[in-house]
Amino acid sequence: MNSNNAIAFSKDQLAYEPYARFMVTDIDGVCRGKHLSGEKIASMLEGGGTIASAVFGWDIQDQLYDNVSFTGFHTGLPDIGLVLDPTTARRLPWDNNCWLILGEHTRIDGSALPICPRQLLKQVLAKADAMGYSAQVGTEFEWFVLSETEQSVRAKSYRNLQTATQGLTNYSPFRINAQQEFVHDLFTNLNAIDVPLEAIHTEAGPGNFEAAIRYGDALKTADRAVLFKESVREIGRRHGLLNTFMAKYSEAYAGCGQHLHQSLWRDGQNCFYDEQGEHRMSETMRHFIAGQLYCLPHLLPMVAPFINSYKRLVGNNLAPVKPTWAVDNRNASLRVIPGSSNAMRIETRTPGADANPYLAIAVALASGLYGIEHKLALEQPPVSGANHGAEQVEHLPRTLAEATAAMDRSPLARALFGEEFVRHFVETRQWEIARFNQSVTDWELERYLELA
């Protein structure tokens, strides 16, 4: 939390607030929460609270799963524990300076809930700490800004939507200036809530923006990423804009990624840096890369969670299609960014903008730590150009169904994240696949209706 708000915040002060907000994410990364009286929020900070387990019992459209063992009609949707983290408290300038506090889920007895995304990341960070490392992570998000509202997209049946900028012009001051007031409010409001923006620019399509958020401790970065997505939506609404973080909004344009910049530190030193190493890469960094390459095919649904996610992971779109690494090459899954002892880092490029940030960061760090712990050798050479040198590397799963099946049969996934989380997550992806398989799409109607 930034120092000004940290000093100002007191749970006793909440008792005099007309209302305050809390927020958590479900398994899909959708923000869930409530507006409560200040007095009620203050009491929850003191003794915790509860929330319906339906938070983990419904999908992204709030349809109740019928195949999930954790909760549902078969359990009666009982409560689960809810703990608010006072260190995340901040005032929202666009919501009358209302306090917002992030939370996480527990069992009713107070123990960590294994399927809670924030708890899962904290579990990974506890592992890093036990190994003597602290993780620094920075995030970049690509997304599309539409000159639409929640009402207009429904009225148009999600077709012929208007973008907030025109023309396919990367890094364009002219194009982005069309939304000058929106961009101004993003910088002003997000920095005010300790989501420090370093850059915003246009990307590879009309209405396509990219933002870079300053790096920090991994949990703080994940919190900032969750806040970023929700805040962009809320601030955008006040400008008559609808923001989408779909991995592939349009087949005409490139997809939207969530790029993760990571480094491990010990005693104030960057463990990825070695002045004498090839490309200044330390042996620790090489193990970390080897771990991510090895684990990625087992965990892909956690960073590409939806049917649509795999429309982004196709060739010739600067999106990874194989578990590869390279030095400053955006075609690879892992991009080594050589630099000084402070700047040396790895960029993981596979996660989509649609992925839950807690899960995406948990996957990246858990996989890298696995490589260090097991001293995995980085035997795969770096690729060059358009993935030259990756001819013998196996393609990543091409669909959510293929990726989910791989995760379901993976002992490695369970070793990293536990049986309860993997079972629940796999069940939710199987539900997503089943819903898609039952759907009749516009593509099918146009292709088959007259002549099939």
Protein backbone atom coordinates (compact mmCIF):
# COMPACT_ATOMS: atom_id res chain seq x y z
CA MET A 1 0.00 0.00 0.00
CA ASN A 2 1.31 3.50 -0.63
CA SER A 3 2.53 5.31 2.45
CA ASN A 4 -0.10 8.06 2.50
CA ASN A 5 -3.04 5.68 2.47
CA ALA A 6 -1.29 3.26 4.82
CA ILE A 7 -0.93 6.04 7.40
CA ALA A 8 -4.51 7.19 6.92
CA PHE A 9 -6.12 3.77 7.25
CA SER A 10 -7.51 2.57 10.56
CA LYS A 11 -10.18 -0.03 11.15
CA ASP A 12 -11.59 2.23 13.86
CA GLN A 13 -12.05 4.95 11.23
CA LEU A 14 -14.27 2.61 9.20
CA ALA A 15 -16.99 2.79 11.81
CA TYR A 16 -17.65 6.38 10.68
CA GLU A 17 -17.75 5.55 6.97
CA PRO A 18 -21.22 5.14 5.39
CA TYR A 19 -19.95 2.11 3.48
CA ALA A 20 -16.79 0.33 2.38
CA ARG A 21 -16.01 -2.45 -0.07
CA PHE A 22 -14.20 -5.75 -0.01
CA MET A 23 -13.11 -7.75 -3.03
CA VAL A 24 -11.88 -11.27 -3.75
CA THR A 25 -11.45 -13.24 -6.96
CA ASP A 26 -13.15 -16.47 -7.91
CA ILE A 27 -11.32 -19.26 -9.71
CA ASP A 28 -11.72 -17.47 -13.08
CA GLY A 29 -10.28 -14.22 -11.74
CA VAL A 30 -13.67 -12.48 -11.72
CA CYS A 31 -13.80 -9.95 -8.88
CA ARG A 32 -16.48 -10.69 -6.31
CA GLY A 33 -17.33 -8.59 -3.28
CA LYS A 34 -19.83 -6.55 -1.36
CA HIS A 35 -20.54 -3.00 -0.27
CA LEU A 36 -20.96 -3.13 3.51
CA SER A 37 -21.37 -0.59 6.24
CA GLY A 38 -18.09 0.74 7.57
CA GLU A 39 -18.91 -0.75 10.96
CA LYS A 40 -19.43 -4.20 9.42
CA ILE A 41 -16.13 -4.08 7.49
CA ALA A 42 -14.33 -3.01 10.67
CA SER A 43 -15.76 -5.99 12.54
CA MET A 44 -14.61 -8.34 9.76
CA LEU A 45 -11.07 -6.98 10.05
CA GLU A 46 -11.20 -7.84 13.74
CA GLY A 47 -12.67 -11.34 13.58
CA GLY A 48 -13.04 -12.38 9.98
CA GLY A 49 -16.26 -13.25 8.25
CA THR A 50 -17.96 -15.67 5.92
CA ILE A 51 -19.27 -15.75 2.38
CA ALA A 52 -21.29 -18.31 0.45
CA SER A 53 -19.21 -21.09 -1.10
CA ALA A 54 -21.12 -20.29 -4.29
CA VAL A 55 -18.13 -18.01 -5.03
CA PHE A 56 -16.45 -21.26 -6.08
CA GLY A 57 -19.66 -22.91 -7.27
CA TRP A 58 -20.51 -20.85 -10.31
CA ASP A 59 -18.83 -20.10 -13.61
CA ILE A 60 -17.99 -16.80 -15.30
CA GLN A 61 -21.69 -16.30 -16.16
CA ASP A 62 -22.88 -17.33 -12.69
CA GLN A 63 -24.26 -20.66 -13.82
CA LEU A 64 -23.88 -23.20 -11.04
CA TYR A 65 -21.53 -26.04 -11.87
CA ASP A 66 -23.16 -29.47 -11.81
CA ASN A 67 -19.87 -31.40 -11.84
CA VAL A 68 -17.80 -29.73 -9.10
CA SER A 69 -17.29 -31.72 -5.92
CA PHE A 70 -16.36 -28.77 -3.66
CA THR A 71 -19.79 -27.13 -3.54
CA GLY A 72 -23.13 -26.98 -5.30
CA PHE A 73 -26.72 -28.05 -4.84
CA HIS A 74 -25.40 -31.34 -3.44
CA THR A 75 -23.75 -29.51 -0.51
CA GLY A 76 -26.36 -26.81 0.01
CA LEU A 77 -23.79 -24.10 -0.79
CA PRO A 78 -22.60 -23.59 2.82
CA ASP A 79 -20.43 -20.69 3.92
CA ILE A 80 -16.65 -20.55 3.72
CA GLY A 81 -14.35 -18.28 5.69
CA LEU A 82 -13.36 -14.81 4.50
CA VAL A 83 -10.31 -12.93 5.81
CA LEU A 84 -9.60 -9.33 4.83
CA ASP A 85 -6.01 -8.11 4.54
CA PRO A 86 -5.77 -4.61 6.08
CA THR A 87 -2.46 -3.96 4.31
CA THR A 88 -4.38 -3.85 1.02
CA ALA A 89 -6.76 -1.06 2.10
CA ARG A 90 -6.96 1.93 -0.23
CA ARG A 91 -9.45 4.67 -1.07
CA LEU A 92 -11.00 4.66 -4.54
CA PRO A 93 -10.99 8.22 -5.94
CA TRP A 94 -13.68 7.43 -8.53
CA ASP A 95 -16.00 5.95 -5.87
CA ASN A 96 -16.26 8.90 -3.46
CA ASN A 97 -13.00 7.83 -1.78
CA CYS A 98 -14.66 4.66 -0.54
CA TRP A 99 -12.29 2.24 1.19
CA LEU A 100 -11.60 -1.03 -0.63
CA ILE A 101 -9.92 -4.01 1.06
CA LEU A 102 -8.83 -7.25 -0.61
CA GLY A 103 -9.46 -10.61 0.94
CA GLU A 104 -8.94 -14.34 0.68
CA HIS A 105 -10.76 -17.49 1.66
CA THR A 106 -10.36 -20.00 4.47
CA ARG A 107 -12.14 -23.04 5.72
CA ILE A 108 -14.61 -22.35 8.50
CA ASP A 109 -11.96 -23.46 11.02
CA GLY A 110 -9.66 -20.68 9.80
CA SER A 111 -7.18 -22.83 7.89
CA ALA A 112 -6.27 -21.85 4.32
CA LEU A 113 -8.74 -22.89 1.62
CA PRO A 114 -6.65 -24.80 -0.95
CA ILE A 115 -8.73 -23.65 -3.92
CA CYS A 116 -8.49 -19.93 -3.06
CA PRO A 117 -6.30 -18.25 -5.71
CA ARG A 118 -4.67 -15.76 -3.32
CA GLN A 119 -3.99 -18.48 -0.78
CA LEU A 120 -2.45 -20.63 -3.51
CA LEU A 121 -0.01 -17.86 -4.43
CA LYS A 122 0.87 -17.34 -0.76
CA GLN A 123 1.61 -21.06 -0.53
CA VAL A 124 4.08 -20.74 -3.43
CA LEU A 125 5.69 -17.68 -1.85
CA ALA A 126 6.10 -19.55 1.43
CA LYS A 127 8.00 -22.19 -0.55
CA ALA A 128 10.22 -19.50 -2.06
CA ASP A 129 10.87 -18.07 1.39
CA ALA A 130 11.81 -21.50 2.73
CA MET A 131 14.30 -21.79 -0.13
CA GLY A 132 15.77 -18.41 0.80
CA TYR A 133 14.31 -16.36 -2.07
CA SER A 134 12.03 -13.38 -2.41
CA ALA A 135 10.30 -12.93 -5.75
CA GLN A 136 9.98 -9.64 -7.61
CA VAL A 137 7.33 -9.55 -10.34
CA GLY A 138 6.11 -6.92 -12.77
CA THR A 139 3.07 -7.22 -15.05
CA GLU A 140 2.04 -5.96 -18.47
CA PHE A 141 -1.52 -6.19 -19.75
CA GLU A 142 -2.84 -5.92 -23.29
CA TRP A 143 -6.57 -5.28 -23.73
CA PHE A 144 -9.18 -3.73 -26.01
CA VAL A 145 -11.12 -0.55 -25.24
CA LEU A 146 -14.56 -0.32 -26.86
CA SER A 147 -16.85 2.66 -27.32
CA GLU A 148 -19.69 0.54 -26.00
CA THR A 149 -21.65 -0.04 -22.82
CA GLU A 150 -22.98 -3.13 -21.09
CA GLN A 151 -26.34 -2.28 -22.65
CA SER A 152 -25.12 -1.58 -26.19
CA VAL A 153 -23.14 -4.82 -26.59
CA ARG A 154 -26.25 -6.79 -25.68
CA ALA A 155 -28.43 -4.75 -28.02
CA LYS A 156 -25.95 -5.52 -30.81
CA SER A 157 -25.70 -9.22 -29.84
CA TYR A 158 -21.95 -8.59 -29.42
CA ARG A 159 -21.51 -7.86 -33.15
CA ASN A 160 -20.18 -4.82 -35.03
CA LEU A 161 -18.75 -3.29 -31.88
CA GLN A 162 -17.00 0.08 -32.08
CA THR A 163 -13.47 0.49 -30.79
CA ALA A 164 -12.38 3.50 -28.76
CA THR A 165 -9.53 4.36 -31.15
CA GLN A 166 -9.20 3.84 -34.87
CA GLY A 167 -6.45 2.43 -37.06
CA LEU A 168 -3.86 -0.22 -36.46
CA THR A 169 -1.04 2.03 -35.25
CA ASN A 170 1.36 0.77 -32.59
CA TYR A 171 2.87 3.28 -30.14
CA SER A 172 0.73 6.08 -31.56
CA PRO A 173 0.41 9.35 -29.60
CA PHE A 174 -2.17 10.45 -32.16
CA ARG A 175 -4.41 7.39 -31.76
CA ILE A 176 -4.28 7.25 -27.97
CA ASN A 177 -5.00 10.98 -27.72
CA ALA A 178 -8.53 10.18 -28.89
CA GLN A 179 -9.04 8.85 -25.34
CA GLN A 180 -6.96 11.47 -23.57
CA GLU A 181 -9.38 11.93 -20.65
CA PHE A 182 -9.64 8.18 -20.05
CA VAL A 183 -5.86 7.76 -20.13
CA HIS A 184 -5.46 10.73 -17.79
CA ASP A 185 -7.88 9.19 -15.32
CA LEU A 186 -6.13 5.83 -15.50
CA PHE A 187 -2.76 7.33 -14.59
CA THR A 188 -4.23 9.61 -11.93
CA ASN A 189 -6.56 7.15 -10.23
CA LEU A 190 -4.46 4.00 -10.46
CA ASN A 191 -1.36 5.65 -9.08
CA ALA A 192 -3.51 7.04 -6.26
CA ILE A 193 -4.45 3.49 -5.21
CA ASP A 194 -0.88 2.14 -5.40
CA VAL A 195 -1.21 0.54 -8.81
CA PRO A 196 1.79 2.39 -10.24
CA LEU A 197 1.50 2.66 -14.00
CA GLU A 198 4.79 3.05 -15.84
CA ALA A 199 3.41 3.23 -19.38
CA ILE A 200 0.29 3.03 -21.53
CA HIS A 201 0.42 2.88 -25.32
CA THR A 202 -1.55 1.66 -28.31
CA GLU A 203 -0.96 -1.86 -29.54
CA ALA A 204 -1.67 -3.93 -32.64
CA GLY A 205 -5.28 -3.03 -33.40
CA PRO A 206 -7.94 -0.32 -33.09
CA GLY A 207 -8.75 0.17 -29.43
CA ASN A 208 -5.87 -2.11 -28.39
CA PHE A 209 -3.94 -0.74 -25.40
CA GLU A 210 -1.05 -2.03 -23.33
CA ALA A 211 -0.13 -0.97 -19.80
CA ALA A 212 2.97 -1.73 -17.74
CA ILE A 213 2.68 -1.83 -13.94
CA ARG A 214 5.82 -1.27 -11.87
CA TYR A 215 7.37 -4.40 -10.39
CA GLY A 216 7.22 -5.26 -6.69
CA ASP A 217 6.89 -8.15 -4.27
CA ALA A 218 4.99 -10.98 -5.91
CA LEU A 219 1.85 -10.87 -3.73
CA LYS A 220 1.62 -7.09 -3.95
CA THR A 221 2.02 -7.34 -7.73
CA ALA A 222 -0.77 -9.90 -7.99
CA ASP A 223 -3.05 -7.68 -5.88
CA ARG A 224 -2.18 -4.74 -8.12
CA ALA A 225 -2.94 -6.77 -11.25
CA VAL A 226 -6.37 -7.75 -9.93
CA LEU A 227 -7.04 -4.14 -8.95
CA PHE A 228 -5.84 -2.94 -12.36
CA LYS A 229 -8.33 -5.03 -14.32
CA GLU A 230 -11.27 -4.16 -12.08
CA SER A 231 -10.35 -0.47 -11.89
CA VAL A 232 -9.93 -0.13 -15.66
CA ARG A 233 -13.44 -1.51 -16.07
CA GLU A 234 -14.95 0.80 -13.46
CA ILE A 235 -13.11 3.94 -14.62
CA GLY A 236 -13.87 3.10 -18.25
CA ARG A 237 -17.59 2.86 -17.52
CA ARG A 238 -17.52 6.48 -16.33
CA HIS A 239 -16.21 7.44 -19.77
CA GLY A 240 -18.80 5.41 -21.67
CA LEU A 241 -16.19 2.74 -22.48
CA LEU A 242 -16.23 -1.01 -22.10
CA ASN A 243 -12.86 -2.71 -21.54
CA THR A 244 -12.26 -6.37 -22.40
CA PHE A 245 -9.36 -8.56 -21.36
CA MET A 246 -10.42 -11.47 -23.57
CA ALA A 247 -7.36 -13.28 -24.87
CA LYS A 248 -8.64 -12.98 -28.46
CA TYR A 249 -11.25 -10.27 -28.91
CA SER A 250 -11.22 -10.39 -32.73
CA GLU A 251 -9.83 -12.83 -35.25
CA ALA A 252 -8.65 -9.81 -37.24
CA TYR A 253 -6.11 -8.73 -34.60
CA ALA A 254 -3.48 -10.19 -32.33
CA GLY A 255 -4.43 -11.52 -28.93
CA CYS A 256 -3.98 -9.97 -25.50
CA GLY A 257 -1.31 -11.22 -23.12
CA GLN A 258 -0.46 -10.86 -19.45
CA HIS A 259 3.32 -10.78 -19.46
CA LEU A 260 5.13 -11.51 -16.19
CA HIS A 261 8.61 -10.14 -15.48
CA GLN A 262 10.30 -12.07 -12.68
CA SER A 263 13.51 -12.23 -10.70
CA LEU A 264 14.53 -13.95 -7.47
CA TRP A 265 16.48 -12.10 -4.78
CA ARG A 266 18.52 -13.05 -1.71
CA ASP A 267 20.30 -10.71 0.69
CA GLY A 268 19.71 -7.77 -1.63
CA GLN A 269 21.24 -9.52 -4.64
CA ASN A 270 19.55 -10.57 -7.87
CA CYS A 271 20.02 -14.33 -8.03
CA PHE A 272 19.47 -14.33 -11.81
CA TYR A 273 22.57 -12.22 -12.50
CA ASP A 274 26.07 -13.57 -13.05
CA GLU A 275 28.63 -11.26 -14.63
CA GLN A 276 30.58 -14.30 -15.91
CA GLY A 277 27.60 -16.31 -17.15
CA GLU A 278 26.50 -16.60 -20.76
CA HIS A 279 24.19 -13.63 -21.42
CA ARG A 280 24.92 -12.80 -17.73
CA MET A 281 22.59 -15.62 -16.72
CA SER A 282 23.30 -17.32 -13.41
CA GLU A 283 22.96 -21.05 -12.89
CA THR A 284 19.94 -20.30 -10.70
CA MET A 285 18.28 -18.50 -13.59
CA ARG A 286 19.00 -21.40 -15.92
CA HIS A 287 17.37 -23.85 -13.47
CA PHE A 288 14.40 -21.46 -13.13
CA ILE A 289 13.92 -21.34 -16.90
CA ALA A 290 14.26 -25.11 -17.20
CA GLY A 291 11.57 -25.53 -14.54
CA GLN A 292 9.12 -23.26 -16.34
CA LEU A 293 9.71 -25.02 -19.66
CA TYR A 294 9.21 -28.43 -18.07
CA CYS A 295 6.08 -27.54 -16.09
CA LEU A 296 4.21 -25.36 -18.60
CA PRO A 297 2.51 -28.19 -20.57
CA HIS A 298 1.22 -29.62 -17.27
CA LEU A 299 -0.26 -26.32 -16.05
CA LEU A 300 -1.36 -24.51 -19.20
CA PRO A 301 -5.07 -24.15 -18.25
CA MET A 302 -4.06 -22.02 -15.26
CA VAL A 303 -2.62 -19.36 -17.60
CA ALA A 304 -4.94 -20.04 -20.56
CA PRO A 305 -8.21 -20.83 -18.75
CA PHE A 306 -10.93 -20.41 -21.39
CA ILE A 307 -11.95 -21.76 -24.79
CA ASN A 308 -11.06 -18.38 -26.27
CA SER A 309 -7.58 -18.40 -24.69
CA TYR A 310 -6.30 -20.84 -27.31
CA LYS A 311 -7.34 -18.58 -30.20
CA ARG A 312 -4.47 -16.35 -29.05
CA LEU A 313 -1.86 -19.14 -28.83
CA VAL A 314 -1.30 -19.49 -32.57
CA GLY A 315 1.71 -18.95 -34.80
CA ASN A 316 2.94 -15.63 -36.18
CA ASN A 317 1.21 -13.55 -33.51
CA LEU A 318 4.06 -13.05 -31.01
CA ALA A 319 2.26 -15.51 -28.76
CA PRO A 320 3.93 -18.73 -27.58
CA VAL A 321 2.96 -22.02 -29.22
CA LYS A 322 5.80 -24.13 -27.78
CA PRO A 323 7.67 -24.13 -24.46
CA THR A 324 10.76 -22.29 -25.69
CA TRP A 325 13.16 -19.66 -24.42
CA ALA A 326 15.22 -16.99 -26.09
CA VAL A 327 17.31 -13.92 -25.39
CA ASP A 328 15.27 -10.76 -26.04
CA ASN A 329 12.96 -12.46 -28.55
CA ARG A 330 9.21 -12.03 -28.20
CA ASN A 331 8.37 -15.18 -30.16
CA ALA A 332 9.40 -17.45 -27.29
CA SER A 333 7.45 -18.50 -24.22
CA LEU A 334 10.25 -17.22 -22.01
CA ARG A 335 12.18 -14.08 -22.92
CA VAL A 336 15.44 -13.52 -21.10
CA ILE A 337 16.05 -9.79 -20.75
CA PRO A 338 19.76 -9.27 -20.12
CA GLY A 339 20.67 -6.27 -18.05
CA SER A 340 22.45 -4.99 -15.01
CA SER A 341 22.46 -6.76 -11.68
CA ASN A 342 19.24 -4.89 -10.87
CA ALA A 343 17.48 -5.34 -14.22
CA MET A 344 18.28 -8.97 -15.15
CA ARG A 345 14.99 -10.84 -15.41
CA ILE A 346 12.82 -13.28 -17.31
CA GLU A 347 9.55 -12.44 -19.05
CA THR A 348 6.96 -15.21 -19.14
CA ARG A 349 4.77 -14.51 -22.18
CA THR A 350 2.32 -17.43 -22.22
CA PRO A 351 -0.38 -16.15 -19.81
CA GLY A 352 -3.33 -14.40 -21.42
CA ALA A 353 -4.83 -11.16 -20.16
CA ASP A 354 -7.85 -13.29 -19.25
CA ALA A 355 -5.96 -15.40 -16.71
CA ASN A 356 -6.42 -14.94 -12.96
CA PRO A 357 -3.27 -13.00 -11.92
CA TYR A 358 -2.90 -14.93 -8.67
CA LEU A 359 -2.85 -18.22 -10.57
CA ALA A 360 -0.65 -16.96 -13.40
CA ILE A 361 2.03 -15.72 -11.01
CA ALA A 362 1.71 -18.87 -8.89
CA VAL A 363 2.35 -21.03 -11.98
CA ALA A 364 5.38 -19.02 -13.09
CA LEU A 365 7.05 -19.00 -9.68
CA ALA A 366 6.16 -22.55 -8.64
CA SER A 367 7.51 -23.89 -11.95
CA GLY A 368 10.73 -21.93 -11.69
CA LEU A 369 11.27 -22.97 -8.08
CA TYR A 370 10.68 -26.58 -9.10
CA GLY A 371 13.53 -26.24 -11.59
CA ILE A 372 15.84 -24.82 -8.92
CA GLU A 373 14.88 -27.39 -6.31
CA HIS A 374 15.45 -30.30 -8.71
CA LYS A 375 18.46 -28.66 -10.39
CA LEU A 376 16.92 -29.11 -13.83
CA ALA A 377 19.49 -28.52 -16.55
CA LEU A 378 18.66 -26.02 -19.28
CA GLU A 379 19.58 -28.35 -22.11
CA GLN A 380 17.23 -26.82 -24.67
CA PRO A 381 19.06 -24.16 -26.68
CA PRO A 382 17.55 -20.69 -27.10
CA VAL A 383 15.47 -20.16 -30.21
CA SER A 384 16.12 -17.36 -32.65
CA GLY A 385 14.01 -15.43 -35.11
CA ALA A 386 10.57 -16.96 -35.62
CA ASN A 387 11.26 -19.85 -33.23
CA HIS A 388 14.11 -21.26 -35.30
CA GLY A 389 15.61 -24.12 -33.35
CA ALA A 390 12.29 -25.26 -31.89
CA GLU A 391 11.49 -27.77 -34.62
CA GLN A 392 11.83 -30.74 -32.27
CA VAL A 393 10.05 -29.10 -29.32
CA GLU A 394 6.56 -30.48 -28.74
CA HIS A 395 3.70 -28.05 -29.40
CA LEU A 396 1.74 -26.82 -26.39
CA PRO A 397 -1.84 -28.14 -26.12
CA ARG A 398 -3.92 -26.45 -28.80
CA THR A 399 -7.29 -26.41 -27.04
CA LEU A 400 -8.66 -26.10 -23.53
CA ALA A 401 -9.84 -29.71 -23.74
CA GLU A 402 -6.37 -30.97 -24.60
CA ALA A 403 -4.71 -28.80 -21.96
CA THR A 404 -7.19 -29.78 -19.24
CA ALA A 405 -6.74 -33.49 -19.97
CA ALA A 406 -2.98 -33.04 -19.63
CA MET A 407 -3.35 -31.27 -16.30
CA ASP A 408 -5.83 -33.86 -15.03
CA ARG A 409 -3.42 -36.74 -15.58
CA SER A 410 -0.37 -34.84 -14.28
CA PRO A 411 1.21 -35.93 -10.98
CA LEU A 412 3.40 -32.84 -11.29
CA ALA A 413 0.40 -30.49 -11.10
CA ARG A 414 -0.71 -32.18 -7.88
CA ALA A 415 2.80 -32.10 -6.44
CA LEU A 416 2.96 -28.34 -7.00
CA PHE A 417 -0.57 -27.30 -6.03
CA GLY A 418 -2.21 -30.18 -4.19
CA GLU A 419 -4.96 -32.64 -5.01
CA GLU A 420 -7.85 -30.48 -3.82
CA PHE A 421 -6.92 -27.47 -5.96
CA VAL A 422 -6.15 -29.50 -9.08
CA ARG A 423 -9.36 -31.52 -8.80
CA HIS A 424 -11.50 -28.39 -8.42
CA PHE A 425 -9.73 -26.46 -11.16
CA VAL A 426 -9.91 -29.36 -13.61
CA GLU A 427 -13.61 -29.85 -12.88
CA THR A 428 -14.31 -26.19 -13.62
CA ARG A 429 -12.43 -26.38 -16.93
CA GLN A 430 -14.30 -29.55 -17.87
CA TRP A 431 -17.52 -27.65 -17.25
CA GLU A 432 -16.32 -24.81 -19.50
CA ILE A 433 -15.53 -27.31 -22.26
CA ALA A 434 -18.92 -28.99 -21.92
CA ARG A 435 -20.74 -25.65 -22.20
CA PHE A 436 -18.85 -24.84 -25.40
CA ASN A 437 -19.44 -28.26 -26.91
CA GLN A 438 -23.21 -27.79 -26.45
CA SER A 439 -23.20 -24.34 -28.05
CA VAL A 440 -24.25 -23.69 -31.65
CA THR A 441 -22.04 -20.87 -32.93
CA ASP A 442 -22.55 -18.26 -35.63
CA TRP A 443 -19.72 -19.91 -37.57
CA GLU A 444 -21.63 -23.21 -37.63
CA LEU A 445 -24.87 -21.57 -38.75
CA GLU A 446 -23.18 -19.67 -41.58
CA ARG A 447 -21.23 -22.72 -42.71
CA TYR A 448 -23.78 -25.51 -42.44
CA LEU A 449 -27.35 -24.21 -42.26
CA GLU A 450 -28.15 -24.10 -45.99
CA LEU A 451 -26.26 -27.06 -47.41
CA ALA A 452 -25.54 -29.59 -44.68
